[in-house]
């Protein structure tokens, strides 16, 4: 798992309903545990955010290990009977088994995180951030932008039409000049 050394202990404690910190030597800090427990009750949103982050990291670890398992399976050579091939095959089998065990171990804390976050967010209601006046102003702004773009498009089409007409006149004049040159050349040859 891609979390710091004390995070898993804090995460399990948070799921059990108490925040327990593990010190560097591995023992529990009684004063730290009670301070963090009161902080958890005072700031449930922070704890929920921490749990969401831990869950996201756990999911990323599961996905990474699953991709590694499929990569190992895809690149695994078929057994050819040689001792080197058998040894290589056994090494890859061990790596695959380690990854599968790690994936399986990650699902238990992920389920605990999921349950805790759902419990913490159960009483929350969806609140509408934008009100209708903002929406109307946005629609009016979009309408003004649309009208401006339509007007600009019409002007560009008109310019394009005028340029195309000008080019057609130039082409017609060139054809007329070429016709006259060809006529003069035909007359001079006869």
N, C-alpha and C. Protein backbone atom coordinates (compact mmCIF):
# COMPACT_ATOMS: atom_id res chain seq x y z
N UNK A 1 0.84 -1.16 0.00
CA UNK A 1 0.00 0.00 0.00
C UNK A 1 0.89 1.23 0.00
N UNK A 2 0.48 2.31 -0.68
CA UNK A 2 1.31 3.48 -0.86
C UNK A 2 1.05 4.53 0.21
N UNK A 3 0.89 4.10 1.49
CA UNK A 3 0.66 5.06 2.55
C UNK A 3 1.84 5.05 3.49
N UNK A 4 1.92 6.06 4.38
CA UNK A 4 3.02 6.14 5.31
C UNK A 4 2.90 5.04 6.34
N UNK A 5 3.97 4.87 7.12
CA UNK A 5 4.02 3.77 8.06
C UNK A 5 2.95 3.83 9.14
N UNK A 6 2.57 5.03 9.61
CA UNK A 6 1.59 5.11 10.69
C UNK A 6 0.16 5.16 10.16
N UNK A 7 -0.04 5.39 8.88
CA UNK A 7 -1.39 5.53 8.34
C UNK A 7 -2.24 4.27 8.47
N UNK A 8 -1.70 3.06 8.19
CA UNK A 8 -2.57 1.90 8.32
C UNK A 8 -3.08 1.71 9.74
N UNK A 9 -2.23 1.97 10.77
CA UNK A 9 -2.68 1.81 12.14
C UNK A 9 -3.74 2.84 12.47
N UNK A 10 -3.57 4.06 11.97
CA UNK A 10 -4.55 5.10 12.21
C UNK A 10 -5.85 4.76 11.50
N UNK A 11 -5.76 4.17 10.31
CA UNK A 11 -6.95 3.85 9.54
C UNK A 11 -7.75 2.77 10.26
N UNK A 12 -7.08 1.72 10.75
CA UNK A 12 -7.80 0.65 11.41
C UNK A 12 -8.44 1.16 12.70
N UNK A 13 -7.73 2.03 13.41
CA UNK A 13 -8.27 2.61 14.63
C UNK A 13 -9.50 3.45 14.32
N UNK A 14 -9.44 4.19 13.22
CA UNK A 14 -10.57 5.05 12.84
C UNK A 14 -11.78 4.21 12.51
N UNK A 15 -11.57 3.04 11.92
CA UNK A 15 -12.70 2.18 11.58
C UNK A 15 -13.34 1.62 12.85
N UNK A 16 -12.51 1.33 13.85
CA UNK A 16 -13.03 0.77 15.08
C UNK A 16 -13.70 1.84 15.95
N UNK A 17 -13.62 3.11 15.51
CA UNK A 17 -14.29 4.16 16.24
C UNK A 17 -13.33 4.97 17.09
N UNK A 18 -12.04 4.70 17.02
CA UNK A 18 -11.06 5.45 17.80
C UNK A 18 -9.82 5.66 16.96
N UNK A 19 -9.18 6.80 17.15
CA UNK A 19 -7.94 7.08 16.43
C UNK A 19 -6.78 6.71 17.34
N UNK A 20 -5.96 5.78 16.93
CA UNK A 20 -4.83 5.35 17.72
C UNK A 20 -3.59 5.55 16.87
N UNK A 21 -2.62 6.23 17.44
CA UNK A 21 -1.38 6.49 16.72
C UNK A 21 -0.33 5.50 17.18
N UNK A 22 0.49 5.02 16.26
CA UNK A 22 1.56 4.10 16.59
C UNK A 22 2.85 4.89 16.56
N UNK A 23 3.60 4.86 17.66
CA UNK A 23 4.85 5.63 17.72
C UNK A 23 5.95 4.91 16.95
N UNK A 24 7.13 5.52 16.89
CA UNK A 24 8.25 4.96 16.14
C UNK A 24 8.64 3.59 16.66
N UNK A 25 8.59 3.38 18.00
CA UNK A 25 9.02 2.10 18.56
C UNK A 25 7.96 1.02 18.40
N UNK A 26 6.77 1.38 17.97
CA UNK A 26 5.74 0.37 17.73
C UNK A 26 4.70 0.33 18.82
N UNK A 27 4.91 1.04 19.96
CA UNK A 27 3.94 1.05 21.04
C UNK A 27 2.88 2.09 20.77
N UNK A 28 1.79 2.02 21.56
CA UNK A 28 0.73 2.99 21.38
C UNK A 28 0.99 4.17 22.29
N UNK A 29 0.80 5.37 21.77
CA UNK A 29 0.94 6.58 22.57
C UNK A 29 -0.40 6.91 23.19
N UNK A 30 -0.53 6.75 24.53
CA UNK A 30 -1.83 6.94 25.15
C UNK A 30 -2.27 8.39 25.08
N UNK A 31 -1.33 9.32 25.27
CA UNK A 31 -1.72 10.72 25.20
C UNK A 31 -2.08 11.10 23.77
N UNK A 32 -1.29 10.63 22.81
CA UNK A 32 -1.58 10.94 21.42
C UNK A 32 -2.91 10.34 21.00
N UNK A 33 -3.22 9.14 21.47
CA UNK A 33 -4.47 8.48 21.11
C UNK A 33 -5.66 9.27 21.59
N UNK A 34 -5.61 9.80 22.84
CA UNK A 34 -6.75 10.54 23.36
C UNK A 34 -6.88 11.89 22.67
N UNK A 35 -5.75 12.55 22.36
CA UNK A 35 -5.80 13.84 21.67
C UNK A 35 -6.38 13.66 20.28
N UNK A 36 -5.92 12.63 19.56
CA UNK A 36 -6.41 12.40 18.21
C UNK A 36 -7.86 11.97 18.22
N UNK A 37 -8.28 11.24 19.29
CA UNK A 37 -9.68 10.83 19.38
C UNK A 37 -10.58 12.05 19.51
N UNK A 38 -10.17 13.03 20.32
CA UNK A 38 -10.99 14.24 20.45
C UNK A 38 -10.96 15.05 19.17
N UNK A 39 -9.82 15.06 18.46
CA UNK A 39 -9.75 15.77 17.19
C UNK A 39 -10.64 15.12 16.15
N UNK A 40 -10.74 13.79 16.17
CA UNK A 40 -11.57 13.07 15.22
C UNK A 40 -13.04 13.44 15.43
N UNK A 41 -13.46 13.55 16.70
CA UNK A 41 -14.84 13.91 16.97
C UNK A 41 -15.11 15.36 16.59
N UNK A 42 -14.10 16.23 16.77
CA UNK A 42 -14.28 17.64 16.45
C UNK A 42 -14.27 17.90 14.95
N UNK A 43 -13.54 17.11 14.21
CA UNK A 43 -13.38 17.31 12.76
C UNK A 43 -13.71 16.04 11.99
N UNK A 44 -14.98 15.61 11.94
CA UNK A 44 -15.29 14.37 11.21
C UNK A 44 -15.06 14.50 9.72
N UNK A 45 -15.16 15.74 9.17
CA UNK A 45 -14.94 15.91 7.73
C UNK A 45 -13.49 15.61 7.38
N UNK A 46 -12.56 16.05 8.22
CA UNK A 46 -11.15 15.77 7.94
C UNK A 46 -10.89 14.28 7.96
N UNK A 47 -11.49 13.58 8.93
CA UNK A 47 -11.31 12.16 9.02
C UNK A 47 -11.89 11.47 7.79
N UNK A 48 -13.05 11.92 7.33
CA UNK A 48 -13.68 11.34 6.14
C UNK A 48 -12.81 11.61 4.92
N UNK A 49 -12.25 12.82 4.84
CA UNK A 49 -11.38 13.14 3.72
C UNK A 49 -10.14 12.25 3.75
N UNK A 50 -9.59 12.04 4.95
CA UNK A 50 -8.43 11.16 5.08
C UNK A 50 -8.78 9.75 4.63
N UNK A 51 -9.95 9.28 5.05
CA UNK A 51 -10.37 7.94 4.67
C UNK A 51 -10.55 7.82 3.16
N UNK A 52 -11.12 8.86 2.55
CA UNK A 52 -11.30 8.85 1.09
C UNK A 52 -9.95 8.79 0.40
N UNK A 53 -8.99 9.56 0.90
CA UNK A 53 -7.65 9.55 0.30
C UNK A 53 -7.00 8.17 0.47
N UNK A 54 -7.13 7.60 1.67
CA UNK A 54 -6.57 6.27 1.91
C UNK A 54 -7.24 5.23 1.01
N UNK A 55 -8.56 5.36 0.82
CA UNK A 55 -9.27 4.44 -0.06
C UNK A 55 -8.81 4.58 -1.50
N UNK A 56 -8.60 5.82 -1.93
CA UNK A 56 -8.12 6.07 -3.29
C UNK A 56 -6.74 5.44 -3.49
N UNK A 57 -5.86 5.61 -2.50
CA UNK A 57 -4.52 5.00 -2.60
C UNK A 57 -4.60 3.48 -2.62
N UNK A 58 -5.53 2.93 -1.85
CA UNK A 58 -5.70 1.48 -1.82
C UNK A 58 -6.19 0.98 -3.18
N UNK A 59 -7.14 1.68 -3.76
CA UNK A 59 -7.65 1.28 -5.08
C UNK A 59 -6.53 1.38 -6.12
N UNK A 60 -5.73 2.44 -6.04
CA UNK A 60 -4.60 2.58 -6.98
C UNK A 60 -3.62 1.42 -6.83
N UNK A 61 -3.37 1.01 -5.58
CA UNK A 61 -2.47 -0.11 -5.35
C UNK A 61 -3.05 -1.40 -5.92
N UNK A 62 -4.35 -1.60 -5.73
CA UNK A 62 -5.00 -2.81 -6.27
C UNK A 62 -4.90 -2.83 -7.79
N UNK A 63 -5.18 -1.69 -8.41
CA UNK A 63 -5.13 -1.61 -9.87
C UNK A 63 -3.71 -1.85 -10.37
N UNK A 64 -2.72 -1.22 -9.70
CA UNK A 64 -1.33 -1.38 -10.11
C UNK A 64 -0.91 -2.85 -10.02
N UNK A 65 -1.25 -3.49 -8.92
CA UNK A 65 -0.86 -4.89 -8.75
C UNK A 65 -1.60 -5.80 -9.74
N UNK A 66 -2.86 -5.49 -10.03
CA UNK A 66 -3.61 -6.28 -11.01
C UNK A 66 -2.99 -6.15 -12.39
N UNK A 67 -2.59 -4.94 -12.76
CA UNK A 67 -1.92 -4.74 -14.05
C UNK A 67 -0.61 -5.51 -14.10
N UNK A 68 0.11 -5.52 -12.97
CA UNK A 68 1.36 -6.26 -12.93
C UNK A 68 1.12 -7.76 -13.08
N UNK A 69 0.06 -8.26 -12.46
CA UNK A 69 -0.28 -9.69 -12.60
C UNK A 69 -0.56 -10.02 -14.05
N UNK A 70 -1.37 -9.21 -14.72
CA UNK A 70 -1.68 -9.48 -16.12
C UNK A 70 -0.45 -9.35 -17.00
N UNK A 71 0.42 -8.41 -16.67
CA UNK A 71 1.66 -8.25 -17.44
C UNK A 71 2.54 -9.49 -17.28
N UNK A 72 2.64 -9.98 -16.04
CA UNK A 72 3.44 -11.19 -15.81
C UNK A 72 2.83 -12.39 -16.53
N UNK A 73 1.51 -12.50 -16.51
CA UNK A 73 0.85 -13.62 -17.19
C UNK A 73 1.04 -13.54 -18.70
N UNK A 74 0.97 -12.32 -19.25
CA UNK A 74 1.11 -12.15 -20.68
C UNK A 74 2.54 -12.50 -21.14
N UNK A 75 3.53 -12.13 -20.32
CA UNK A 75 4.92 -12.36 -20.71
C UNK A 75 5.49 -13.66 -20.19
N UNK A 76 4.67 -14.48 -19.57
CA UNK A 76 5.16 -15.73 -19.01
C UNK A 76 5.44 -16.73 -20.13
N UNK A 77 6.69 -17.24 -20.19
CA UNK A 77 7.02 -18.20 -21.25
C UNK A 77 6.39 -19.57 -20.97
N UNK A 78 6.12 -20.28 -22.03
CA UNK A 78 5.60 -21.62 -21.87
C UNK A 78 6.71 -22.53 -21.36
N UNK A 79 6.36 -23.51 -20.52
CA UNK A 79 7.41 -24.40 -20.01
C UNK A 79 7.99 -25.22 -21.16
N UNK A 80 9.33 -25.24 -21.20
CA UNK A 80 9.98 -25.97 -22.28
C UNK A 80 10.78 -27.16 -21.79
N UNK A 81 10.72 -27.46 -20.50
CA UNK A 81 11.38 -28.63 -19.96
C UNK A 81 12.79 -28.38 -19.47
N UNK A 82 13.38 -27.24 -19.78
CA UNK A 82 14.74 -26.97 -19.31
C UNK A 82 14.69 -26.47 -17.87
N UNK A 83 15.79 -26.63 -17.16
CA UNK A 83 15.83 -26.21 -15.76
C UNK A 83 15.74 -24.69 -15.65
N UNK A 84 16.36 -23.97 -16.61
CA UNK A 84 16.30 -22.51 -16.59
C UNK A 84 14.87 -22.02 -16.82
N UNK A 85 14.16 -22.63 -17.76
CA UNK A 85 12.78 -22.27 -18.04
C UNK A 85 11.88 -22.56 -16.86
N UNK A 86 12.11 -23.71 -16.20
CA UNK A 86 11.31 -24.07 -15.03
C UNK A 86 11.56 -23.09 -13.89
N UNK A 87 12.84 -22.72 -13.69
CA UNK A 87 13.19 -21.77 -12.63
C UNK A 87 12.54 -20.40 -12.89
N UNK A 88 12.62 -19.94 -14.13
CA UNK A 88 12.01 -18.66 -14.49
C UNK A 88 10.50 -18.71 -14.30
N UNK A 89 9.91 -19.81 -14.68
CA UNK A 89 8.47 -19.99 -14.53
C UNK A 89 8.07 -19.97 -13.06
N UNK A 90 8.85 -20.64 -12.23
CA UNK A 90 8.56 -20.67 -10.78
C UNK A 90 8.71 -19.29 -10.16
N UNK A 91 9.72 -18.51 -10.59
CA UNK A 91 9.91 -17.16 -10.07
C UNK A 91 8.71 -16.27 -10.42
N UNK A 92 8.24 -16.39 -11.64
CA UNK A 92 7.08 -15.59 -12.05
C UNK A 92 5.83 -16.03 -11.31
N UNK A 93 5.69 -17.35 -11.07
CA UNK A 93 4.54 -17.84 -10.31
C UNK A 93 4.56 -17.28 -8.90
N UNK A 94 5.72 -17.19 -8.30
CA UNK A 94 5.84 -16.65 -6.95
C UNK A 94 5.46 -15.17 -6.94
N UNK A 95 5.96 -14.41 -7.92
CA UNK A 95 5.63 -12.99 -8.00
C UNK A 95 4.13 -12.79 -8.21
N UNK A 96 3.54 -13.62 -9.07
CA UNK A 96 2.10 -13.52 -9.31
C UNK A 96 1.33 -13.83 -8.03
N UNK A 97 1.74 -14.88 -7.33
CA UNK A 97 1.06 -15.26 -6.09
C UNK A 97 1.19 -14.16 -5.03
N UNK A 98 2.39 -13.55 -4.93
CA UNK A 98 2.58 -12.44 -3.98
C UNK A 98 1.64 -11.27 -4.31
N UNK A 99 1.55 -10.94 -5.58
CA UNK A 99 0.67 -9.84 -5.98
C UNK A 99 -0.79 -10.17 -5.71
N UNK A 100 -1.20 -11.40 -5.99
CA UNK A 100 -2.59 -11.79 -5.72
C UNK A 100 -2.90 -11.74 -4.23
N UNK A 101 -1.94 -12.18 -3.39
CA UNK A 101 -2.15 -12.11 -1.94
C UNK A 101 -2.25 -10.65 -1.47
N UNK A 102 -1.40 -9.79 -2.02
CA UNK A 102 -1.43 -8.37 -1.66
C UNK A 102 -2.76 -7.74 -2.09
N UNK A 103 -3.24 -8.10 -3.27
CA UNK A 103 -4.53 -7.59 -3.73
C UNK A 103 -5.63 -8.04 -2.78
N UNK A 104 -5.59 -9.30 -2.40
CA UNK A 104 -6.61 -9.84 -1.50
C UNK A 104 -6.56 -9.15 -0.14
N UNK A 105 -5.34 -8.87 0.37
CA UNK A 105 -5.20 -8.18 1.65
C UNK A 105 -5.71 -6.75 1.57
N UNK A 106 -5.61 -6.10 0.41
CA UNK A 106 -6.05 -4.72 0.27
C UNK A 106 -7.56 -4.57 0.25
N UNK A 107 -8.28 -5.63 -0.08
CA UNK A 107 -9.74 -5.51 -0.16
C UNK A 107 -10.39 -5.39 1.22
N UNK A 108 -9.79 -5.98 2.23
CA UNK A 108 -10.37 -5.91 3.57
C UNK A 108 -10.36 -4.47 4.11
N UNK A 109 -9.22 -3.76 4.10
CA UNK A 109 -9.27 -2.36 4.56
C UNK A 109 -10.09 -1.48 3.63
N UNK A 110 -10.11 -1.80 2.34
CA UNK A 110 -10.92 -1.00 1.42
C UNK A 110 -12.40 -1.13 1.77
N UNK A 111 -12.85 -2.31 2.12
CA UNK A 111 -14.24 -2.50 2.53
C UNK A 111 -14.52 -1.73 3.82
N UNK A 112 -13.56 -1.75 4.76
CA UNK A 112 -13.73 -1.02 6.01
C UNK A 112 -13.82 0.48 5.75
N UNK A 113 -12.99 0.98 4.87
CA UNK A 113 -13.01 2.40 4.52
C UNK A 113 -14.35 2.75 3.87
N UNK A 114 -14.78 1.93 2.95
CA UNK A 114 -16.06 2.15 2.27
C UNK A 114 -17.21 2.23 3.27
N UNK A 115 -17.25 1.30 4.20
CA UNK A 115 -18.32 1.27 5.19
C UNK A 115 -18.27 2.51 6.07
N UNK A 116 -17.07 2.89 6.52
CA UNK A 116 -16.92 4.04 7.41
C UNK A 116 -17.33 5.34 6.69
N UNK A 117 -16.88 5.52 5.46
CA UNK A 117 -17.23 6.74 4.72
C UNK A 117 -18.73 6.79 4.46
N UNK A 118 -19.35 5.68 4.11
CA UNK A 118 -20.81 5.66 3.92
C UNK A 118 -21.54 5.99 5.21
N UNK A 119 -21.05 5.48 6.35
CA UNK A 119 -21.67 5.81 7.63
C UNK A 119 -21.51 7.29 7.95
N UNK A 120 -20.32 7.85 7.70
CA UNK A 120 -20.06 9.26 7.99
C UNK A 120 -20.90 10.17 7.10
N UNK A 121 -21.17 9.75 5.88
CA UNK A 121 -21.87 10.61 4.92
C UNK A 121 -23.35 10.31 4.83
N UNK A 122 -23.84 9.41 5.66
CA UNK A 122 -25.24 8.99 5.57
C UNK A 122 -26.20 10.14 5.84
N UNK A 123 -25.88 11.04 6.77
CA UNK A 123 -26.79 12.12 7.12
C UNK A 123 -26.66 13.33 6.22
N UNK A 124 -25.70 13.33 5.33
CA UNK A 124 -25.50 14.49 4.47
C UNK A 124 -26.55 14.54 3.37
N UNK A 125 -26.95 15.76 3.04
CA UNK A 125 -27.91 15.95 1.98
C UNK A 125 -27.24 16.64 0.81
N UNK A 126 -27.80 16.43 -0.34
CA UNK A 126 -27.30 17.10 -1.53
C UNK A 126 -27.75 18.55 -1.47
N UNK A 127 -26.82 19.46 -1.60
CA UNK A 127 -27.17 20.88 -1.60
C UNK A 127 -26.88 21.45 -2.97
N UNK A 128 -27.82 22.24 -3.45
CA UNK A 128 -27.68 22.85 -4.76
C UNK A 128 -26.86 24.13 -4.61
N UNK A 129 -25.72 24.18 -5.23
CA UNK A 129 -24.81 25.31 -5.07
C UNK A 129 -25.26 26.49 -5.91
N UNK A 130 -25.60 26.26 -7.14
CA UNK A 130 -26.01 27.35 -8.02
C UNK A 130 -27.52 27.59 -7.88
N UNK A 131 -27.92 28.85 -7.82
CA UNK A 131 -29.35 29.11 -7.83
C UNK A 131 -29.78 29.53 -9.22
N UNK A 132 -31.07 29.70 -9.39
CA UNK A 132 -31.62 29.93 -10.73
C UNK A 132 -31.17 31.24 -11.34
N UNK A 133 -30.94 32.27 -10.51
CA UNK A 133 -30.50 33.57 -11.05
C UNK A 133 -29.14 33.42 -11.73
N UNK A 134 -28.24 32.64 -11.11
CA UNK A 134 -26.94 32.40 -11.73
C UNK A 134 -27.11 31.67 -13.05
N UNK A 135 -28.01 30.69 -13.07
CA UNK A 135 -28.24 29.93 -14.30
C UNK A 135 -28.78 30.83 -15.41
N UNK A 136 -29.73 31.72 -15.06
CA UNK A 136 -30.27 32.62 -16.07
C UNK A 136 -29.20 33.54 -16.61
N UNK A 137 -28.33 34.04 -15.73
CA UNK A 137 -27.25 34.91 -16.16
C UNK A 137 -26.30 34.15 -17.09
N UNK A 138 -26.04 32.88 -16.74
CA UNK A 138 -25.18 32.06 -17.61
C UNK A 138 -25.83 31.84 -18.96
N UNK A 139 -27.15 31.55 -18.97
CA UNK A 139 -27.83 31.34 -20.24
C UNK A 139 -27.85 32.62 -21.07
N UNK A 140 -28.03 33.76 -20.40
CA UNK A 140 -28.04 35.04 -21.11
C UNK A 140 -26.66 35.30 -21.71
N UNK A 141 -25.62 35.00 -20.93
CA UNK A 141 -24.25 35.18 -21.41
C UNK A 141 -23.98 34.24 -22.59
N UNK A 142 -24.45 33.01 -22.48
CA UNK A 142 -24.28 32.05 -23.58
C UNK A 142 -25.04 32.53 -24.81
N UNK A 143 -26.26 33.05 -24.60
CA UNK A 143 -27.07 33.57 -25.71
C UNK A 143 -26.37 34.74 -26.39
N UNK A 144 -25.79 35.64 -25.60
CA UNK A 144 -25.08 36.78 -26.18
C UNK A 144 -23.85 36.30 -26.96
N UNK A 145 -23.14 35.36 -26.38
CA UNK A 145 -21.97 34.81 -27.08
C UNK A 145 -22.39 34.13 -28.38
N UNK A 146 -23.50 33.39 -28.34
CA UNK A 146 -23.98 32.70 -29.52
C UNK A 146 -24.36 33.70 -30.61
N UNK A 147 -25.10 34.73 -30.22
CA UNK A 147 -25.48 35.76 -31.21
C UNK A 147 -24.25 36.43 -31.81
N UNK A 148 -23.27 36.71 -30.96
CA UNK A 148 -22.04 37.33 -31.46
C UNK A 148 -21.33 36.41 -32.45
N UNK A 149 -21.27 35.11 -32.12
CA UNK A 149 -20.61 34.15 -33.01
C UNK A 149 -21.38 33.99 -34.32
N UNK A 150 -22.71 34.00 -34.26
CA UNK A 150 -23.52 33.89 -35.48
C UNK A 150 -23.28 35.11 -36.36
N UNK A 151 -23.25 36.29 -35.76
CA UNK A 151 -23.00 37.52 -36.52
C UNK A 151 -21.61 37.49 -37.17
N UNK A 152 -20.63 37.05 -36.39
CA UNK A 152 -19.27 36.95 -36.93
C UNK A 152 -19.22 35.93 -38.07
N UNK A 153 -19.92 34.82 -37.93
CA UNK A 153 -19.96 33.81 -38.98
C UNK A 153 -20.60 34.37 -40.25
N UNK A 154 -21.69 35.13 -40.09
CA UNK A 154 -22.35 35.72 -41.24
C UNK A 154 -21.41 36.70 -41.96
N UNK A 155 -20.70 37.52 -41.20
CA UNK A 155 -19.75 38.45 -41.80
C UNK A 155 -18.64 37.73 -42.55
N UNK A 156 -18.13 36.66 -41.96
CA UNK A 156 -17.07 35.90 -42.63
C UNK A 156 -17.58 35.23 -43.91
N UNK A 157 -18.81 34.72 -43.88
CA UNK A 157 -19.38 34.12 -45.09
C UNK A 157 -19.55 35.16 -46.18
N UNK A 158 -19.96 36.36 -45.78
CA UNK A 158 -20.12 37.43 -46.77
C UNK A 158 -18.78 37.82 -47.37
N UNK A 159 -17.74 37.92 -46.55
CA UNK A 159 -16.41 38.22 -47.05
C UNK A 159 -15.93 37.13 -48.00
N UNK A 160 -16.19 35.88 -47.62
CA UNK A 160 -15.79 34.76 -48.46
C UNK A 160 -16.51 34.81 -49.81
N UNK A 161 -17.80 35.13 -49.79
CA UNK A 161 -18.56 35.23 -51.03
C UNK A 161 -17.99 36.33 -51.93
N UNK A 162 -17.67 37.49 -51.33
CA UNK A 162 -17.10 38.60 -52.12
C UNK A 162 -15.74 38.23 -52.71
N UNK A 163 -14.92 37.56 -51.94
CA UNK A 163 -13.60 37.15 -52.44
C UNK A 163 -13.74 36.10 -53.53
N UNK A 164 -14.69 35.18 -53.37
CA UNK A 164 -14.91 34.17 -54.40
C UNK A 164 -15.39 34.82 -55.69
N UNK A 165 -16.28 35.81 -55.57
CA UNK A 165 -16.77 36.54 -56.75
C UNK A 165 -15.63 37.29 -57.44
N UNK A 166 -14.77 37.93 -56.65
CA UNK A 166 -13.62 38.65 -57.19
C UNK A 166 -12.69 37.68 -57.93
N UNK A 167 -12.42 36.52 -57.33
CA UNK A 167 -11.56 35.52 -57.97
C UNK A 167 -12.20 35.02 -59.27
N UNK A 168 -13.51 34.84 -59.29
CA UNK A 168 -14.20 34.40 -60.51
C UNK A 168 -14.03 35.43 -61.62
N UNK A 169 -14.14 36.72 -61.29
CA UNK A 169 -13.94 37.77 -62.29
C UNK A 169 -12.51 37.75 -62.83
N UNK A 170 -11.53 37.55 -61.94
CA UNK A 170 -10.13 37.48 -62.39
C UNK A 170 -9.94 36.27 -63.32
N UNK A 171 -10.50 35.13 -62.95
CA UNK A 171 -10.36 33.93 -63.78
C UNK A 171 -11.02 34.16 -65.15
N UNK A 172 -12.20 34.78 -65.16
CA UNK A 172 -12.88 35.07 -66.44
C UNK A 172 -12.02 36.00 -67.31
N UNK A 173 -11.40 37.02 -66.72
CA UNK A 173 -10.55 37.94 -67.47
C UNK A 173 -9.33 37.20 -68.02
N UNK A 174 -8.73 36.29 -67.19
CA UNK A 174 -7.58 35.52 -67.67
C UNK A 174 -7.98 34.62 -68.84
N UNK A 175 -9.16 33.99 -68.73
CA UNK A 175 -9.63 33.15 -69.84
C UNK A 175 -9.80 33.98 -71.11
N UNK A 176 -10.36 35.16 -70.96
CA UNK A 176 -10.56 36.03 -72.12
C UNK A 176 -9.22 36.42 -72.75
N UNK A 177 -8.23 36.76 -71.90
CA UNK A 177 -6.89 37.12 -72.40
C UNK A 177 -6.25 35.93 -73.11
N UNK A 178 -6.34 34.75 -72.50
CA UNK A 178 -5.76 33.54 -73.11
C UNK A 178 -6.45 33.25 -74.45
N UNK A 179 -7.77 33.43 -74.50
CA UNK A 179 -8.51 33.21 -75.74
C UNK A 179 -8.02 34.16 -76.83
N UNK A 180 -7.83 35.41 -76.48
CA UNK A 180 -7.35 36.39 -77.46
C UNK A 180 -5.93 36.07 -77.90
N UNK A 181 -5.05 35.66 -76.97
CA UNK A 181 -3.67 35.30 -77.34
C UNK A 181 -3.69 34.11 -78.27
N UNK A 182 -4.48 33.10 -77.94
CA UNK A 182 -4.56 31.92 -78.80
C UNK A 182 -5.12 32.28 -80.19
N UNK A 183 -6.09 33.18 -80.20
CA UNK A 183 -6.67 33.62 -81.47
C UNK A 183 -5.60 34.33 -82.31
N UNK A 184 -4.81 35.23 -81.70
CA UNK A 184 -3.76 35.96 -82.43
C UNK A 184 -2.69 34.98 -82.92
N UNK A 185 -2.35 33.98 -82.11
CA UNK A 185 -1.35 33.01 -82.55
C UNK A 185 -1.87 32.17 -83.72
N UNK A 186 -3.15 31.82 -83.66
CA UNK A 186 -3.73 31.03 -84.75
C UNK A 186 -3.78 31.87 -86.03
N UNK A 187 -4.04 33.17 -85.94
CA UNK A 187 -4.09 34.04 -87.10
C UNK A 187 -2.70 34.26 -87.69
N UNK A 188 -1.71 34.35 -86.85
CA UNK A 188 -0.37 34.59 -87.36
C UNK A 188 0.21 33.34 -88.03
N UNK A 189 -0.23 32.17 -87.65
CA UNK A 189 0.25 30.93 -88.25
C UNK A 189 -0.38 30.69 -89.61
N UNK A 190 -1.49 31.25 -89.90
CA UNK A 190 -2.13 31.02 -91.19
C UNK A 190 -1.77 32.01 -92.21
